[in-house]
N, C-alpha and C. Protein backbone atom coordinates (compact mmCIF):
# COMPACT_ATOMS: atom_id res chain seq x y z
N MET A 1 17.52 -8.29 -12.44
CA MET A 1 16.54 -8.14 -13.52
C MET A 1 16.50 -6.68 -13.95
N PRO A 2 16.65 -6.37 -15.24
CA PRO A 2 16.67 -4.98 -15.67
C PRO A 2 15.30 -4.34 -15.53
N ASP A 3 15.29 -3.03 -15.33
CA ASP A 3 14.03 -2.29 -15.27
C ASP A 3 13.37 -2.31 -16.65
N ARG A 4 12.05 -2.30 -16.65
CA ARG A 4 11.31 -2.40 -17.90
C ARG A 4 10.48 -1.15 -18.11
N VAL A 5 10.55 -0.59 -19.32
CA VAL A 5 9.83 0.63 -19.66
C VAL A 5 8.57 0.27 -20.44
N VAL A 6 7.44 0.85 -20.05
CA VAL A 6 6.16 0.63 -20.73
C VAL A 6 5.57 1.99 -21.09
N ARG A 7 5.14 2.12 -22.33
CA ARG A 7 4.55 3.37 -22.79
C ARG A 7 3.02 3.33 -22.66
N ASP A 8 2.41 4.49 -22.56
CA ASP A 8 0.95 4.64 -22.49
C ASP A 8 0.34 3.80 -21.37
N PHE A 9 1.02 3.76 -20.24
CA PHE A 9 0.53 2.99 -19.10
C PHE A 9 -0.56 3.81 -18.40
N PRO A 10 -1.76 3.24 -18.17
CA PRO A 10 -2.85 3.99 -17.54
C PRO A 10 -2.49 4.40 -16.12
N LEU A 11 -2.76 5.66 -15.78
CA LEU A 11 -2.44 6.18 -14.46
C LEU A 11 -3.70 6.71 -13.77
N PHE A 12 -3.82 6.41 -12.48
CA PHE A 12 -4.98 6.84 -11.70
C PHE A 12 -4.47 7.66 -10.52
N PRO A 13 -4.37 8.99 -10.66
CA PRO A 13 -3.94 9.82 -9.54
C PRO A 13 -5.04 9.88 -8.48
N LEU A 14 -4.68 9.57 -7.24
CA LEU A 14 -5.64 9.51 -6.15
C LEU A 14 -5.01 10.08 -4.88
N GLY A 15 -5.82 10.32 -3.90
CA GLY A 15 -5.33 10.78 -2.61
C GLY A 15 -4.95 9.64 -1.70
N ILE A 16 -4.41 8.57 -2.25
CA ILE A 16 -3.99 7.41 -1.48
C ILE A 16 -2.65 6.91 -2.02
N VAL A 17 -2.00 6.08 -1.22
CA VAL A 17 -0.79 5.37 -1.65
C VAL A 17 -1.09 3.89 -1.57
N ALA A 18 -0.84 3.16 -2.64
CA ALA A 18 -1.02 1.71 -2.66
C ALA A 18 0.34 1.03 -2.63
N LEU A 19 0.41 -0.10 -1.95
CA LEU A 19 1.64 -0.87 -1.86
C LEU A 19 1.48 -2.22 -2.55
N PRO A 20 2.56 -2.82 -3.03
CA PRO A 20 2.48 -4.19 -3.53
C PRO A 20 1.85 -5.11 -2.49
N HIS A 21 0.94 -5.98 -2.94
CA HIS A 21 0.20 -6.96 -2.14
C HIS A 21 -0.98 -6.35 -1.39
N GLU A 22 -1.14 -5.03 -1.42
CA GLU A 22 -2.25 -4.41 -0.69
C GLU A 22 -3.54 -4.52 -1.49
N LEU A 23 -4.64 -4.85 -0.82
CA LEU A 23 -5.96 -4.87 -1.43
C LEU A 23 -6.57 -3.48 -1.31
N VAL A 24 -6.99 -2.92 -2.45
CA VAL A 24 -7.52 -1.56 -2.47
C VAL A 24 -8.87 -1.55 -3.20
N PRO A 25 -9.98 -1.31 -2.49
CA PRO A 25 -11.27 -1.16 -3.18
C PRO A 25 -11.38 0.23 -3.79
N LEU A 26 -11.95 0.31 -4.97
CA LEU A 26 -12.09 1.59 -5.67
C LEU A 26 -13.50 1.75 -6.20
N ARG A 27 -14.00 2.98 -6.12
CA ARG A 27 -15.28 3.31 -6.75
C ARG A 27 -14.98 4.11 -8.01
N ILE A 28 -15.39 3.61 -9.15
CA ILE A 28 -15.08 4.24 -10.44
C ILE A 28 -16.34 4.93 -10.95
N PHE A 29 -16.27 6.27 -11.04
CA PHE A 29 -17.46 7.00 -11.47
C PHE A 29 -17.18 8.02 -12.57
N GLU A 30 -15.96 8.61 -12.62
CA GLU A 30 -15.67 9.56 -13.70
C GLU A 30 -15.57 8.85 -15.04
N GLU A 31 -16.04 9.52 -16.09
CA GLU A 31 -16.09 8.91 -17.41
C GLU A 31 -14.71 8.43 -17.87
N ARG A 32 -13.68 9.26 -17.66
CA ARG A 32 -12.35 8.87 -18.15
C ARG A 32 -11.82 7.63 -17.43
N TYR A 33 -12.14 7.50 -16.16
CA TYR A 33 -11.65 6.33 -15.43
C TYR A 33 -12.53 5.10 -15.67
N ARG A 34 -13.80 5.34 -16.01
CA ARG A 34 -14.63 4.21 -16.44
C ARG A 34 -14.07 3.64 -17.74
N THR A 35 -13.65 4.53 -18.65
CA THR A 35 -13.02 4.08 -19.90
C THR A 35 -11.74 3.33 -19.61
N MET A 36 -10.90 3.87 -18.74
CA MET A 36 -9.62 3.24 -18.42
C MET A 36 -9.81 1.86 -17.81
N ILE A 37 -10.67 1.75 -16.81
CA ILE A 37 -10.89 0.47 -16.15
C ILE A 37 -11.55 -0.51 -17.11
N GLY A 38 -12.45 -0.02 -17.95
CA GLY A 38 -13.08 -0.91 -18.94
C GLY A 38 -12.06 -1.52 -19.87
N GLU A 39 -11.09 -0.73 -20.33
CA GLU A 39 -10.04 -1.26 -21.21
C GLU A 39 -9.14 -2.24 -20.45
N CYS A 40 -8.84 -1.93 -19.19
CA CYS A 40 -8.01 -2.85 -18.39
C CYS A 40 -8.72 -4.19 -18.18
N LEU A 41 -10.03 -4.13 -17.94
CA LEU A 41 -10.79 -5.37 -17.76
C LEU A 41 -10.82 -6.18 -19.06
N GLU A 42 -10.98 -5.49 -20.17
CA GLU A 42 -11.07 -6.17 -21.46
C GLU A 42 -9.76 -6.85 -21.84
N SER A 43 -8.64 -6.18 -21.53
CA SER A 43 -7.33 -6.71 -21.93
C SER A 43 -6.62 -7.47 -20.81
N GLY A 44 -7.17 -7.39 -19.58
CA GLY A 44 -6.51 -8.04 -18.45
C GLY A 44 -5.22 -7.35 -18.05
N SER A 45 -5.13 -6.05 -18.35
CA SER A 45 -3.89 -5.31 -18.08
C SER A 45 -3.96 -4.56 -16.76
N GLU A 46 -2.79 -4.05 -16.34
CA GLU A 46 -2.69 -3.30 -15.09
C GLU A 46 -2.92 -1.81 -15.34
N PHE A 47 -3.11 -1.09 -14.24
CA PHE A 47 -3.06 0.37 -14.25
C PHE A 47 -2.28 0.79 -13.01
N GLY A 48 -1.91 2.06 -12.94
CA GLY A 48 -1.09 2.50 -11.83
C GLY A 48 -1.78 3.51 -10.94
N ILE A 49 -1.71 3.31 -9.63
CA ILE A 49 -2.16 4.31 -8.67
C ILE A 49 -0.96 5.16 -8.27
N VAL A 50 -1.13 6.47 -8.35
CA VAL A 50 -0.09 7.40 -7.90
C VAL A 50 -0.73 8.39 -6.94
N TRP A 51 0.02 8.72 -5.89
CA TRP A 51 -0.48 9.65 -4.89
C TRP A 51 -0.46 11.07 -5.45
N ALA A 52 -1.60 11.73 -5.42
CA ALA A 52 -1.71 13.11 -5.90
C ALA A 52 -2.36 13.96 -4.81
N ASP A 53 -1.76 15.13 -4.55
CA ASP A 53 -2.33 16.08 -3.60
C ASP A 53 -1.99 17.49 -4.06
N ASP A 54 -2.07 18.45 -3.17
CA ASP A 54 -1.82 19.84 -3.55
C ASP A 54 -0.39 20.06 -4.05
N GLU A 55 0.51 19.14 -3.67
CA GLU A 55 1.90 19.27 -4.11
C GLU A 55 2.15 18.62 -5.47
N GLY A 56 1.12 18.00 -6.05
CA GLY A 56 1.27 17.37 -7.35
C GLY A 56 1.23 15.85 -7.27
N VAL A 57 1.66 15.22 -8.35
CA VAL A 57 1.66 13.76 -8.47
C VAL A 57 3.06 13.24 -8.13
N ARG A 58 3.13 12.25 -7.24
CA ARG A 58 4.41 11.67 -6.88
C ARG A 58 4.96 10.85 -8.05
N PRO A 59 6.26 10.82 -8.23
CA PRO A 59 6.83 10.13 -9.39
C PRO A 59 6.83 8.61 -9.29
N VAL A 60 6.68 8.07 -8.08
CA VAL A 60 6.69 6.61 -7.90
C VAL A 60 5.31 6.15 -7.46
N GLY A 61 4.77 5.18 -8.19
CA GLY A 61 3.45 4.63 -7.88
C GLY A 61 3.49 3.12 -7.85
N CYS A 62 2.29 2.53 -7.77
CA CYS A 62 2.18 1.07 -7.69
C CYS A 62 1.23 0.56 -8.77
N ALA A 63 1.69 -0.41 -9.54
CA ALA A 63 0.84 -1.04 -10.55
C ALA A 63 -0.19 -1.92 -9.86
N MET A 64 -1.42 -1.86 -10.34
CA MET A 64 -2.53 -2.58 -9.72
C MET A 64 -3.15 -3.56 -10.72
N GLU A 65 -3.57 -4.71 -10.22
CA GLU A 65 -4.38 -5.63 -11.01
C GLU A 65 -5.80 -5.61 -10.46
N ILE A 66 -6.77 -5.75 -11.35
CA ILE A 66 -8.17 -5.79 -10.93
C ILE A 66 -8.51 -7.24 -10.59
N THR A 67 -8.82 -7.48 -9.32
CA THR A 67 -9.09 -8.86 -8.90
C THR A 67 -10.57 -9.21 -8.96
N GLU A 68 -11.44 -8.20 -8.88
CA GLU A 68 -12.88 -8.50 -8.86
C GLU A 68 -13.68 -7.24 -9.15
N VAL A 69 -14.73 -7.39 -9.93
CA VAL A 69 -15.73 -6.32 -10.09
C VAL A 69 -16.82 -6.60 -9.06
N LEU A 70 -16.89 -5.75 -8.06
CA LEU A 70 -17.83 -5.99 -6.95
C LEU A 70 -19.25 -5.60 -7.32
N GLU A 71 -19.36 -4.52 -8.11
CA GLU A 71 -20.69 -4.03 -8.48
C GLU A 71 -20.56 -3.20 -9.75
N ARG A 72 -21.54 -3.36 -10.63
CA ARG A 72 -21.54 -2.58 -11.88
C ARG A 72 -22.92 -1.96 -12.04
N MET A 73 -22.96 -0.61 -12.06
CA MET A 73 -24.23 0.10 -12.17
C MET A 73 -24.62 0.29 -13.63
N GLU A 74 -25.92 0.57 -13.85
CA GLU A 74 -26.44 0.73 -15.21
C GLU A 74 -25.81 1.91 -15.93
N ASP A 75 -25.41 2.95 -15.19
CA ASP A 75 -24.85 4.14 -15.83
C ASP A 75 -23.34 4.00 -16.08
N GLY A 76 -22.76 2.82 -15.82
CA GLY A 76 -21.35 2.60 -16.10
C GLY A 76 -20.44 2.70 -14.90
N ARG A 77 -20.96 3.26 -13.80
CA ARG A 77 -20.15 3.30 -12.59
C ARG A 77 -19.92 1.88 -12.08
N MET A 78 -18.82 1.69 -11.37
CA MET A 78 -18.55 0.35 -10.84
C MET A 78 -17.70 0.44 -9.58
N ASN A 79 -17.83 -0.59 -8.76
CA ASN A 79 -16.98 -0.77 -7.60
C ASN A 79 -16.11 -1.99 -7.86
N ILE A 80 -14.81 -1.81 -7.72
CA ILE A 80 -13.88 -2.89 -8.02
C ILE A 80 -12.93 -3.12 -6.85
N LEU A 81 -12.34 -4.30 -6.82
CA LEU A 81 -11.31 -4.61 -5.85
C LEU A 81 -10.01 -4.81 -6.61
N THR A 82 -8.95 -4.14 -6.16
CA THR A 82 -7.66 -4.22 -6.85
C THR A 82 -6.59 -4.68 -5.87
N ARG A 83 -5.49 -5.16 -6.42
CA ARG A 83 -4.36 -5.58 -5.60
C ARG A 83 -3.07 -5.00 -6.17
N GLY A 84 -2.24 -4.45 -5.27
CA GLY A 84 -0.96 -3.91 -5.70
C GLY A 84 -0.01 -4.99 -6.13
N ARG A 85 0.77 -4.71 -7.17
CA ARG A 85 1.69 -5.72 -7.69
C ARG A 85 3.15 -5.30 -7.63
N ARG A 86 3.49 -4.12 -8.17
CA ARG A 86 4.91 -3.76 -8.27
C ARG A 86 5.05 -2.25 -8.43
N PRO A 87 6.15 -1.70 -7.94
CA PRO A 87 6.35 -0.25 -8.05
C PRO A 87 6.85 0.16 -9.43
N PHE A 88 6.57 1.40 -9.77
CA PHE A 88 7.06 1.96 -11.03
C PHE A 88 7.40 3.42 -10.81
N ARG A 89 8.19 3.95 -11.74
CA ARG A 89 8.54 5.36 -11.74
C ARG A 89 8.01 6.00 -13.03
N ILE A 90 7.36 7.13 -12.90
CA ILE A 90 6.85 7.83 -14.09
C ILE A 90 8.02 8.52 -14.80
N VAL A 91 8.20 8.18 -16.06
CA VAL A 91 9.23 8.80 -16.87
C VAL A 91 8.68 10.03 -17.60
N ASP A 92 7.46 9.90 -18.11
CA ASP A 92 6.83 10.98 -18.86
C ASP A 92 5.32 10.79 -18.78
N GLU A 93 4.57 11.89 -18.76
CA GLU A 93 3.11 11.83 -18.70
C GLU A 93 2.50 12.20 -20.04
N ARG A 94 1.33 11.60 -20.31
CA ARG A 94 0.56 11.94 -21.51
C ARG A 94 -0.80 12.47 -21.08
N HIS A 95 -1.25 13.52 -21.74
CA HIS A 95 -2.54 14.12 -21.39
C HIS A 95 -3.44 14.22 -22.62
N ASP A 96 -3.10 13.49 -23.69
CA ASP A 96 -3.87 13.58 -24.92
C ASP A 96 -4.70 12.32 -25.18
N LEU A 97 -4.78 11.42 -24.19
CA LEU A 97 -5.60 10.22 -24.34
C LEU A 97 -6.93 10.40 -23.61
N ALA A 98 -7.77 9.39 -23.64
CA ALA A 98 -9.08 9.48 -22.99
C ALA A 98 -8.96 9.48 -21.47
N TYR A 99 -7.79 9.13 -20.96
CA TYR A 99 -7.55 9.09 -19.51
C TYR A 99 -6.06 9.36 -19.28
N PRO A 100 -5.68 9.70 -18.04
CA PRO A 100 -4.26 9.97 -17.76
C PRO A 100 -3.40 8.72 -18.04
N ALA A 101 -2.24 8.93 -18.60
CA ALA A 101 -1.33 7.82 -18.91
C ALA A 101 0.10 8.37 -18.96
N GLY A 102 1.03 7.47 -19.15
CA GLY A 102 2.41 7.92 -19.23
C GLY A 102 3.36 6.79 -19.54
N THR A 103 4.59 7.14 -19.78
CA THR A 103 5.66 6.16 -19.90
C THR A 103 6.18 5.89 -18.50
N VAL A 104 6.19 4.61 -18.11
CA VAL A 104 6.63 4.25 -16.77
C VAL A 104 7.76 3.23 -16.85
N GLU A 105 8.57 3.24 -15.82
CA GLU A 105 9.68 2.30 -15.70
C GLU A 105 9.44 1.45 -14.46
N PHE A 106 9.24 0.15 -14.66
CA PHE A 106 9.09 -0.75 -13.51
C PHE A 106 10.46 -0.95 -12.89
N VAL A 107 10.55 -0.60 -11.62
CA VAL A 107 11.85 -0.52 -10.96
C VAL A 107 12.16 -1.79 -10.16
N SER A 108 13.44 -2.11 -10.08
CA SER A 108 13.90 -3.29 -9.35
C SER A 108 14.68 -2.88 -8.12
N ASP A 109 14.71 -3.77 -7.13
CA ASP A 109 15.52 -3.53 -5.94
C ASP A 109 16.99 -3.77 -6.27
N LYS A 110 17.85 -3.13 -5.50
CA LYS A 110 19.27 -3.40 -5.66
C LYS A 110 19.57 -4.81 -5.14
N GLU A 111 20.60 -5.43 -5.68
CA GLU A 111 20.96 -6.78 -5.28
C GLU A 111 21.62 -6.75 -3.91
N GLU A 112 21.07 -7.50 -2.98
CA GLU A 112 21.61 -7.55 -1.62
C GLU A 112 21.08 -8.80 -0.93
N GLN A 113 21.78 -9.24 0.08
CA GLN A 113 21.35 -10.36 0.89
C GLN A 113 20.52 -9.84 2.07
N PRO A 114 19.39 -10.48 2.37
CA PRO A 114 18.61 -10.06 3.53
C PRO A 114 19.45 -10.17 4.81
N ASP A 115 19.41 -9.15 5.64
CA ASP A 115 20.11 -9.17 6.92
C ASP A 115 19.21 -9.88 7.93
N GLU A 116 19.70 -10.98 8.50
CA GLU A 116 18.87 -11.82 9.35
C GLU A 116 18.33 -11.07 10.56
N LYS A 117 19.16 -10.23 11.18
CA LYS A 117 18.71 -9.48 12.35
C LYS A 117 17.63 -8.46 11.96
N THR A 118 17.81 -7.86 10.79
CA THR A 118 16.83 -6.88 10.31
C THR A 118 15.50 -7.56 10.03
N VAL A 119 15.55 -8.72 9.38
CA VAL A 119 14.33 -9.48 9.08
C VAL A 119 13.64 -9.89 10.37
N ALA A 120 14.41 -10.41 11.32
CA ALA A 120 13.83 -10.89 12.58
C ALA A 120 13.18 -9.76 13.36
N ALA A 121 13.84 -8.59 13.38
CA ALA A 121 13.29 -7.45 14.12
C ALA A 121 11.97 -6.99 13.52
N ALA A 122 11.89 -6.95 12.18
CA ALA A 122 10.66 -6.51 11.51
C ALA A 122 9.52 -7.49 11.79
N ARG A 123 9.80 -8.77 11.68
CA ARG A 123 8.73 -9.76 11.89
C ARG A 123 8.30 -9.80 13.35
N GLU A 124 9.24 -9.60 14.26
CA GLU A 124 8.88 -9.56 15.68
C GLU A 124 7.98 -8.35 15.98
N ALA A 125 8.34 -7.19 15.44
CA ALA A 125 7.54 -5.98 15.67
C ALA A 125 6.16 -6.11 15.03
N TYR A 126 6.13 -6.71 13.84
CA TYR A 126 4.84 -6.90 13.16
C TYR A 126 3.96 -7.88 13.93
N GLY A 127 4.54 -9.00 14.35
CA GLY A 127 3.78 -9.99 15.09
C GLY A 127 3.21 -9.42 16.37
N ALA A 128 4.01 -8.61 17.08
CA ALA A 128 3.55 -8.00 18.32
C ALA A 128 2.39 -7.04 18.06
N LEU A 129 2.48 -6.26 16.98
CA LEU A 129 1.42 -5.31 16.64
C LEU A 129 0.13 -6.03 16.28
N VAL A 130 0.24 -7.08 15.46
CA VAL A 130 -0.95 -7.84 15.07
C VAL A 130 -1.62 -8.46 16.29
N GLU A 131 -0.83 -9.04 17.17
CA GLU A 131 -1.40 -9.65 18.37
C GLU A 131 -2.05 -8.60 19.26
N GLN A 132 -1.42 -7.45 19.38
CA GLN A 132 -1.96 -6.37 20.20
C GLN A 132 -3.29 -5.86 19.64
N ALA A 133 -3.38 -5.78 18.30
CA ALA A 133 -4.56 -5.21 17.67
C ALA A 133 -5.69 -6.21 17.50
N THR A 134 -5.36 -7.50 17.36
CA THR A 134 -6.39 -8.49 17.02
C THR A 134 -6.50 -9.64 18.02
N ASP A 135 -5.59 -9.70 19.00
CA ASP A 135 -5.54 -10.82 19.96
C ASP A 135 -5.19 -12.13 19.27
N ARG A 136 -4.64 -12.05 18.06
CA ARG A 136 -4.22 -13.27 17.35
C ARG A 136 -2.78 -13.11 16.92
N ALA A 137 -1.94 -14.00 17.40
CA ALA A 137 -0.53 -13.95 17.01
C ALA A 137 -0.34 -14.64 15.67
N PRO A 138 0.34 -14.01 14.71
CA PRO A 138 0.59 -14.67 13.42
C PRO A 138 1.41 -15.95 13.60
N GLU A 139 1.13 -16.96 12.79
CA GLU A 139 1.89 -18.20 12.83
C GLU A 139 3.31 -17.94 12.33
N ALA A 140 4.25 -18.71 12.86
CA ALA A 140 5.65 -18.55 12.46
C ALA A 140 5.82 -18.79 10.96
N ASP A 141 5.15 -19.81 10.43
CA ASP A 141 5.24 -20.09 8.99
C ASP A 141 4.70 -18.93 8.16
N GLU A 142 3.64 -18.31 8.66
CA GLU A 142 3.06 -17.16 7.96
C GLU A 142 4.04 -16.00 7.92
N LEU A 143 4.70 -15.73 9.05
CA LEU A 143 5.66 -14.63 9.11
C LEU A 143 6.86 -14.87 8.21
N ARG A 144 7.30 -16.11 8.10
CA ARG A 144 8.49 -16.42 7.29
C ARG A 144 8.28 -16.10 5.82
N GLU A 145 7.03 -16.11 5.38
CA GLU A 145 6.75 -15.85 3.97
C GLU A 145 6.55 -14.36 3.67
N MET A 146 6.56 -13.50 4.69
CA MET A 146 6.18 -12.11 4.50
C MET A 146 7.38 -11.19 4.30
N THR A 147 7.31 -10.40 3.24
CA THR A 147 8.29 -9.34 3.01
C THR A 147 7.83 -8.07 3.71
N ALA A 148 8.63 -7.02 3.62
CA ALA A 148 8.22 -5.73 4.19
C ALA A 148 6.92 -5.25 3.57
N TYR A 149 6.79 -5.40 2.25
CA TYR A 149 5.56 -5.00 1.58
C TYR A 149 4.37 -5.82 2.07
N HIS A 150 4.54 -7.15 2.21
CA HIS A 150 3.45 -8.00 2.69
C HIS A 150 2.93 -7.51 4.04
N MET A 151 3.87 -7.23 4.95
CA MET A 151 3.47 -6.80 6.29
C MET A 151 2.83 -5.43 6.26
N ALA A 152 3.47 -4.49 5.58
CA ALA A 152 2.97 -3.11 5.56
C ALA A 152 1.61 -3.01 4.89
N ALA A 153 1.32 -3.90 3.94
CA ALA A 153 0.05 -3.84 3.20
C ALA A 153 -1.15 -4.12 4.10
N THR A 154 -0.93 -4.67 5.29
CA THR A 154 -2.04 -5.01 6.18
C THR A 154 -2.20 -3.99 7.31
N VAL A 155 -1.39 -2.94 7.32
CA VAL A 155 -1.42 -1.95 8.40
C VAL A 155 -1.73 -0.58 7.80
N ASP A 156 -2.57 0.19 8.48
CA ASP A 156 -2.99 1.50 7.97
C ASP A 156 -2.02 2.57 8.44
N PHE A 157 -1.00 2.83 7.64
CA PHE A 157 -0.02 3.88 7.94
C PHE A 157 -0.45 5.20 7.32
N GLY A 158 0.23 6.26 7.68
CA GLY A 158 0.03 7.53 7.02
C GLY A 158 0.56 7.49 5.60
N LEU A 159 0.08 8.41 4.77
CA LEU A 159 0.44 8.41 3.35
C LEU A 159 1.93 8.64 3.14
N ALA A 160 2.53 9.56 3.91
CA ALA A 160 3.95 9.84 3.72
C ALA A 160 4.80 8.62 4.04
N ALA A 161 4.43 7.88 5.09
CA ALA A 161 5.17 6.67 5.45
C ALA A 161 5.04 5.61 4.36
N LYS A 162 3.85 5.44 3.81
CA LYS A 162 3.66 4.46 2.75
C LYS A 162 4.42 4.84 1.49
N GLN A 163 4.41 6.14 1.17
CA GLN A 163 5.16 6.58 -0.01
C GLN A 163 6.64 6.36 0.20
N GLY A 164 7.11 6.58 1.43
CA GLY A 164 8.51 6.34 1.74
C GLY A 164 8.90 4.89 1.49
N LEU A 165 8.02 3.98 1.86
CA LEU A 165 8.28 2.55 1.61
C LEU A 165 8.33 2.27 0.11
N LEU A 166 7.39 2.86 -0.62
CA LEU A 166 7.32 2.62 -2.06
C LEU A 166 8.55 3.17 -2.78
N ASP A 167 9.13 4.24 -2.25
CA ASP A 167 10.27 4.88 -2.89
C ASP A 167 11.58 4.10 -2.70
N LEU A 168 11.66 3.27 -1.65
CA LEU A 168 12.91 2.58 -1.32
C LEU A 168 13.17 1.41 -2.27
N ARG A 169 14.40 1.28 -2.70
CA ARG A 169 14.78 0.20 -3.61
C ARG A 169 15.65 -0.84 -2.90
N SER A 170 15.49 -0.94 -1.61
CA SER A 170 16.24 -1.90 -0.80
C SER A 170 15.29 -2.58 0.17
N GLU A 171 15.22 -3.90 0.15
CA GLU A 171 14.36 -4.63 1.09
C GLU A 171 14.85 -4.45 2.52
N ASN A 172 16.15 -4.45 2.73
CA ASN A 172 16.65 -4.22 4.08
C ASN A 172 16.24 -2.85 4.60
N ALA A 173 16.29 -1.84 3.75
CA ALA A 173 15.88 -0.50 4.16
C ALA A 173 14.39 -0.47 4.46
N ARG A 174 13.58 -1.16 3.65
CA ARG A 174 12.14 -1.21 3.92
C ARG A 174 11.86 -1.92 5.24
N LEU A 175 12.59 -3.00 5.51
CA LEU A 175 12.40 -3.73 6.76
C LEU A 175 12.73 -2.86 7.96
N ARG A 176 13.80 -2.08 7.85
CA ARG A 176 14.14 -1.18 8.96
C ARG A 176 13.06 -0.13 9.17
N LEU A 177 12.51 0.39 8.05
CA LEU A 177 11.47 1.41 8.17
C LEU A 177 10.19 0.83 8.77
N VAL A 178 9.76 -0.35 8.28
CA VAL A 178 8.52 -0.90 8.83
C VAL A 178 8.68 -1.29 10.30
N THR A 179 9.88 -1.68 10.70
CA THR A 179 10.10 -1.99 12.12
C THR A 179 9.81 -0.76 12.97
N ARG A 180 10.33 0.40 12.55
CA ARG A 180 10.06 1.64 13.28
C ARG A 180 8.57 1.98 13.25
N LEU A 181 7.94 1.79 12.11
CA LEU A 181 6.51 2.11 11.99
C LEU A 181 5.66 1.18 12.85
N PHE A 182 5.98 -0.11 12.86
CA PHE A 182 5.21 -1.06 13.68
C PHE A 182 5.36 -0.74 15.17
N ARG A 183 6.57 -0.44 15.57
CA ARG A 183 6.80 -0.12 16.99
C ARG A 183 6.07 1.16 17.38
N ALA A 184 6.08 2.15 16.50
CA ALA A 184 5.35 3.40 16.78
C ALA A 184 3.85 3.14 16.86
N ALA A 185 3.34 2.28 15.98
CA ALA A 185 1.91 1.95 16.00
C ALA A 185 1.55 1.22 17.29
N SER A 186 2.42 0.35 17.76
CA SER A 186 2.18 -0.35 19.03
C SER A 186 2.12 0.62 20.18
N ARG A 187 3.02 1.61 20.18
CA ARG A 187 3.00 2.61 21.26
C ARG A 187 1.71 3.42 21.23
N ARG A 188 1.23 3.75 20.02
CA ARG A 188 -0.03 4.49 19.92
C ARG A 188 -1.19 3.67 20.43
N LEU A 189 -1.20 2.38 20.11
CA LEU A 189 -2.27 1.51 20.61
C LEU A 189 -2.25 1.42 22.12
N GLU A 190 -1.05 1.31 22.69
CA GLU A 190 -0.94 1.25 24.15
C GLU A 190 -1.47 2.54 24.77
N PHE A 191 -1.16 3.69 24.17
CA PHE A 191 -1.65 4.97 24.68
C PHE A 191 -3.18 5.01 24.61
N ILE A 192 -3.74 4.57 23.48
CA ILE A 192 -5.20 4.58 23.32
C ILE A 192 -5.86 3.67 24.35
N GLU A 193 -5.28 2.49 24.56
CA GLU A 193 -5.84 1.56 25.53
C GLU A 193 -5.81 2.15 26.93
N ARG A 194 -4.71 2.82 27.29
CA ARG A 194 -4.62 3.44 28.62
C ARG A 194 -5.62 4.58 28.75
N ALA A 195 -5.77 5.36 27.66
CA ALA A 195 -6.71 6.48 27.70
C ALA A 195 -8.15 5.99 27.83
N GLU A 196 -8.48 4.91 27.12
CA GLU A 196 -9.83 4.36 27.21
C GLU A 196 -10.10 3.80 28.60
N ALA A 197 -9.10 3.13 29.18
CA ALA A 197 -9.26 2.58 30.53
C ALA A 197 -9.46 3.71 31.53
N ARG A 198 -8.72 4.79 31.35
CA ARG A 198 -8.87 5.92 32.26
C ARG A 198 -10.23 6.58 32.10
N ALA A 199 -10.71 6.67 30.85
CA ALA A 199 -12.03 7.26 30.61
C ALA A 199 -13.13 6.43 31.27
N ARG A 200 -12.98 5.10 31.21
CA ARG A 200 -13.99 4.23 31.82
C ARG A 200 -14.04 4.41 33.34
N SER A 201 -12.93 4.82 33.94
CA SER A 201 -12.89 5.02 35.40
C SER A 201 -13.12 6.48 35.76
N ASN A 202 -13.63 7.27 34.79
CA ASN A 202 -13.89 8.70 35.01
C ASN A 202 -12.64 9.46 35.40
N GLY A 203 -11.50 8.99 34.93
CA GLY A 203 -10.25 9.68 35.19
C GLY A 203 -9.70 9.42 36.58
N LYS A 204 -10.32 8.56 37.37
CA LYS A 204 -9.88 8.30 38.72
C LYS A 204 -9.13 6.96 38.80
N VAL A 205 -8.09 6.91 39.55
CA VAL A 205 -7.37 5.67 39.77
C VAL A 205 -8.03 4.93 40.96
N ARG A 206 -8.43 3.69 40.71
CA ARG A 206 -9.15 2.94 41.74
C ARG A 206 -8.19 1.94 42.41
N PHE A 207 -8.27 1.90 43.70
CA PHE A 207 -7.41 1.00 44.47
C PHE A 207 -8.17 -0.16 45.07
N SER A 208 -9.47 -0.22 44.85
CA SER A 208 -10.25 -1.32 45.43
C SER A 208 -11.40 -1.68 44.49
């Protein structure tokens, strides 16, 4: 499928990274973003979240759909729930509208066949992490339907790791990356659990 270019696409620079399928609650209070979200609600259109920090705005972001208005205040502020849909690349920015916008290119993955071992390793690592964190093992049917984005959208990674996933145009590459991230998260959980157990015993190893 060819990449698609859209002009005057609303952009929301934030200190977060959103992934496709991820649910992201947002509090809208600045006038320009109240205008932007109001127009998106009226037209049913998307807007884009892009990670912005002291180094600037990242060129690859995630298009978001507004799934629910959770609360609307009298002064125009609102709390909304959004869901990530698809990645895009900023081609050009506009600063002469009522809110940030730009020309964006919705990007496609390269054509490739999923590597069965890569898929299996990612789902195994994800399933182990979920069970470790929640005491509930994901169902096999549930795992079979999940892409790298589906799995990563439910785990709280660091911003650089999430941006790295968003930048990749290969599902196999994303699966390899999330496998490493899930395994690292499992090791951190194991360390925390051991540290908490040791704290409960006042740092002493008990033999009876």
